[in-house]
Amino acid sequence: MHRTQLYFDEALFDSLKARANALGVSISEYIRGLVKQDLEQNPKNKNDFSKFAGIWEDRDITLEEIREKAWR
């Protein structure tokens, strides 16, 4: 396990501590759970362009045509 240091303002830390206490876990365990949950729900990088792969596949267009239209 790795150790890290986080900084919270007082109000946020008080809320964090209260939530962890209500759940009966340490602050560290609560934060680890939140991070794990987020990573499991959002596993892909937001810059994943795979859904756009092949969108130009059936089009007969050249780079020169794109450049020509862009400079009009």
N, C-alpha and C. Protein backbone atom coordinates (compact mmCIF):
# COMPACT_ATOMS: atom_id res chain seq x y z
N MET A 1 0.84 -1.17 0.00
CA MET A 1 0.00 0.00 0.00
C MET A 1 0.89 1.23 0.00
N HIS A 2 0.46 2.24 -0.75
CA HIS A 2 1.20 3.50 -0.82
C HIS A 2 0.58 4.53 0.11
N ARG A 3 1.38 5.42 0.56
CA ARG A 3 0.92 6.49 1.44
C ARG A 3 0.99 7.81 0.68
N THR A 4 -0.03 8.64 0.88
CA THR A 4 -0.05 9.96 0.25
C THR A 4 -0.61 10.96 1.24
N GLN A 5 -0.44 12.22 0.94
CA GLN A 5 -0.91 13.27 1.82
C GLN A 5 -1.88 14.16 1.04
N LEU A 6 -3.04 14.42 1.63
CA LEU A 6 -4.05 15.26 1.01
C LEU A 6 -4.34 16.45 1.93
N TYR A 7 -4.72 17.55 1.34
CA TYR A 7 -5.07 18.74 2.10
C TYR A 7 -6.54 19.08 1.86
N PHE A 8 -7.29 19.30 2.95
CA PHE A 8 -8.70 19.66 2.87
C PHE A 8 -8.93 20.92 3.68
N ASP A 9 -9.85 21.77 3.22
CA ASP A 9 -10.21 22.89 4.07
C ASP A 9 -11.03 22.35 5.25
N GLU A 10 -11.17 23.16 6.28
CA GLU A 10 -11.79 22.69 7.53
C GLU A 10 -13.21 22.16 7.33
N ALA A 11 -14.01 22.90 6.57
CA ALA A 11 -15.41 22.49 6.37
C ALA A 11 -15.49 21.14 5.65
N LEU A 12 -14.69 20.98 4.62
CA LEU A 12 -14.71 19.72 3.88
C LEU A 12 -14.21 18.57 4.75
N PHE A 13 -13.16 18.81 5.52
CA PHE A 13 -12.62 17.77 6.39
C PHE A 13 -13.65 17.37 7.46
N ASP A 14 -14.36 18.34 8.01
CA ASP A 14 -15.39 18.03 9.01
C ASP A 14 -16.49 17.16 8.41
N SER A 15 -16.90 17.49 7.19
CA SER A 15 -17.91 16.68 6.51
C SER A 15 -17.40 15.28 6.20
N LEU A 16 -16.17 15.21 5.76
CA LEU A 16 -15.53 13.93 5.46
C LEU A 16 -15.45 13.06 6.70
N LYS A 17 -15.01 13.64 7.80
CA LYS A 17 -14.88 12.91 9.06
C LYS A 17 -16.25 12.44 9.55
N ALA A 18 -17.26 13.28 9.44
CA ALA A 18 -18.61 12.91 9.87
C ALA A 18 -19.16 11.76 9.04
N ARG A 19 -18.94 11.80 7.73
CA ARG A 19 -19.44 10.73 6.85
C ARG A 19 -18.74 9.41 7.16
N ALA A 20 -17.43 9.45 7.31
CA ALA A 20 -16.68 8.24 7.63
C ALA A 20 -17.14 7.66 8.97
N ASN A 21 -17.33 8.53 9.97
CA ASN A 21 -17.81 8.07 11.28
C ASN A 21 -19.19 7.45 11.17
N ALA A 22 -20.07 8.05 10.39
CA ALA A 22 -21.42 7.52 10.22
C ALA A 22 -21.41 6.14 9.58
N LEU A 23 -20.44 5.92 8.72
CA LEU A 23 -20.31 4.61 8.05
C LEU A 23 -19.49 3.62 8.87
N GLY A 24 -18.88 4.10 9.93
CA GLY A 24 -18.09 3.23 10.79
C GLY A 24 -16.76 2.81 10.19
N VAL A 25 -16.19 3.69 9.37
CA VAL A 25 -14.89 3.40 8.75
C VAL A 25 -13.95 4.57 9.00
N SER A 26 -12.68 4.33 8.77
CA SER A 26 -11.70 5.41 8.91
C SER A 26 -11.83 6.36 7.72
N ILE A 27 -11.28 7.55 7.88
CA ILE A 27 -11.29 8.51 6.78
C ILE A 27 -10.54 7.94 5.58
N SER A 28 -9.42 7.28 5.84
CA SER A 28 -8.63 6.69 4.74
C SER A 28 -9.43 5.64 4.00
N GLU A 29 -10.13 4.78 4.73
CA GLU A 29 -10.93 3.73 4.10
C GLU A 29 -12.07 4.34 3.29
N TYR A 30 -12.67 5.38 3.82
CA TYR A 30 -13.75 6.05 3.10
C TYR A 30 -13.25 6.64 1.79
N ILE A 31 -12.12 7.32 1.83
CA ILE A 31 -11.54 7.91 0.61
C ILE A 31 -11.15 6.83 -0.38
N ARG A 32 -10.51 5.75 0.09
CA ARG A 32 -10.15 4.65 -0.82
C ARG A 32 -11.39 4.09 -1.51
N GLY A 33 -12.47 3.95 -0.75
CA GLY A 33 -13.72 3.43 -1.32
C GLY A 33 -14.28 4.34 -2.40
N LEU A 34 -14.24 5.64 -2.15
CA LEU A 34 -14.74 6.59 -3.15
C LEU A 34 -13.90 6.56 -4.42
N VAL A 35 -12.59 6.52 -4.26
CA VAL A 35 -11.70 6.49 -5.42
C VAL A 35 -11.91 5.19 -6.21
N LYS A 36 -11.99 4.08 -5.50
CA LYS A 36 -12.20 2.79 -6.16
C LYS A 36 -13.51 2.78 -6.93
N GLN A 37 -14.57 3.29 -6.30
CA GLN A 37 -15.88 3.35 -6.94
C GLN A 37 -15.83 4.20 -8.22
N ASP A 38 -15.18 5.34 -8.14
CA ASP A 38 -15.07 6.21 -9.31
C ASP A 38 -14.30 5.53 -10.44
N LEU A 39 -13.20 4.87 -10.10
CA LEU A 39 -12.40 4.20 -11.13
C LEU A 39 -13.14 3.04 -11.76
N GLU A 40 -13.96 2.34 -10.99
CA GLU A 40 -14.74 1.23 -11.54
C GLU A 40 -15.87 1.72 -12.43
N GLN A 41 -16.47 2.85 -12.09
CA GLN A 41 -17.57 3.39 -12.87
C GLN A 41 -17.10 4.10 -14.13
N ASN A 42 -15.89 4.62 -14.11
CA ASN A 42 -15.35 5.37 -15.24
C ASN A 42 -13.99 4.83 -15.63
N PRO A 43 -13.94 3.57 -16.09
CA PRO A 43 -12.64 2.96 -16.35
C PRO A 43 -11.89 3.50 -17.56
N LYS A 44 -12.62 4.02 -18.54
CA LYS A 44 -11.96 4.48 -19.76
C LYS A 44 -11.49 5.91 -19.64
N ASN A 45 -10.44 6.17 -20.31
CA ASN A 45 -9.93 7.52 -20.42
C ASN A 45 -10.95 8.37 -21.18
N LYS A 46 -11.20 9.57 -20.75
CA LYS A 46 -12.17 10.43 -21.42
C LYS A 46 -11.73 10.81 -22.83
N ASN A 47 -10.49 10.57 -23.18
CA ASN A 47 -9.99 10.85 -24.52
C ASN A 47 -10.02 9.62 -25.40
N ASP A 48 -10.93 8.70 -25.12
CA ASP A 48 -11.05 7.48 -25.91
C ASP A 48 -11.87 7.78 -27.16
N PHE A 49 -11.23 7.79 -28.30
CA PHE A 49 -11.90 8.11 -29.55
C PHE A 49 -12.27 6.86 -30.35
N SER A 50 -12.24 5.69 -29.74
CA SER A 50 -12.49 4.45 -30.47
C SER A 50 -13.89 4.40 -31.07
N LYS A 51 -14.87 5.08 -30.44
CA LYS A 51 -16.23 5.05 -30.99
C LYS A 51 -16.32 5.81 -32.32
N PHE A 52 -15.32 6.61 -32.63
CA PHE A 52 -15.32 7.34 -33.89
C PHE A 52 -14.53 6.61 -34.99
N ALA A 53 -13.90 5.51 -34.65
CA ALA A 53 -13.09 4.78 -35.62
C ALA A 53 -13.95 4.35 -36.80
N GLY A 54 -13.49 4.66 -37.98
CA GLY A 54 -14.16 4.23 -39.20
C GLY A 54 -15.28 5.13 -39.69
N ILE A 55 -15.49 6.29 -39.09
CA ILE A 55 -16.61 7.13 -39.52
C ILE A 55 -16.42 7.68 -40.93
N TRP A 56 -15.19 7.74 -41.40
CA TRP A 56 -14.92 8.22 -42.76
C TRP A 56 -14.67 7.07 -43.73
N GLU A 57 -14.86 5.86 -43.28
CA GLU A 57 -14.50 4.67 -44.05
C GLU A 57 -15.16 4.62 -45.43
N ASP A 58 -16.43 4.94 -45.54
CA ASP A 58 -17.15 4.81 -46.81
C ASP A 58 -17.20 6.09 -47.62
N ARG A 59 -16.45 7.09 -47.20
CA ARG A 59 -16.47 8.36 -47.91
C ARG A 59 -15.25 8.50 -48.81
N ASP A 60 -15.50 9.03 -49.98
CA ASP A 60 -14.42 9.25 -50.94
C ASP A 60 -13.96 10.69 -50.80
N ILE A 61 -13.04 10.91 -49.88
CA ILE A 61 -12.56 12.27 -49.60
C ILE A 61 -11.05 12.21 -49.36
N THR A 62 -10.38 13.24 -49.81
CA THR A 62 -8.92 13.29 -49.65
C THR A 62 -8.55 14.40 -48.69
N LEU A 63 -7.35 14.35 -48.19
CA LEU A 63 -6.84 15.38 -47.31
C LEU A 63 -6.82 16.74 -48.02
N GLU A 64 -6.52 16.74 -49.29
CA GLU A 64 -6.49 17.99 -50.06
C GLU A 64 -7.89 18.61 -50.11
N GLU A 65 -8.94 17.79 -50.26
CA GLU A 65 -10.30 18.31 -50.29
C GLU A 65 -10.68 18.93 -48.95
N ILE A 66 -10.27 18.30 -47.89
CA ILE A 66 -10.56 18.82 -46.55
C ILE A 66 -9.87 20.16 -46.36
N ARG A 67 -8.60 20.25 -46.75
CA ARG A 67 -7.86 21.50 -46.62
C ARG A 67 -8.49 22.60 -47.46
N GLU A 68 -8.89 22.25 -48.69
CA GLU A 68 -9.48 23.22 -49.59
C GLU A 68 -10.77 23.80 -49.00
N LYS A 69 -11.61 22.96 -48.43
CA LYS A 69 -12.88 23.42 -47.84
C LYS A 69 -12.62 24.23 -46.56
N ALA A 70 -11.58 23.88 -45.84
CA ALA A 70 -11.29 24.57 -44.59
C ALA A 70 -10.83 26.01 -44.82
N TRP A 71 -10.22 26.29 -45.94
CA TRP A 71 -9.68 27.62 -46.20
C TRP A 71 -10.63 28.50 -46.99
N ARG A 72 -11.85 28.08 -47.18
CA ARG A 72 -12.83 28.92 -47.92
C ARG A 72 -13.39 29.98 -47.05
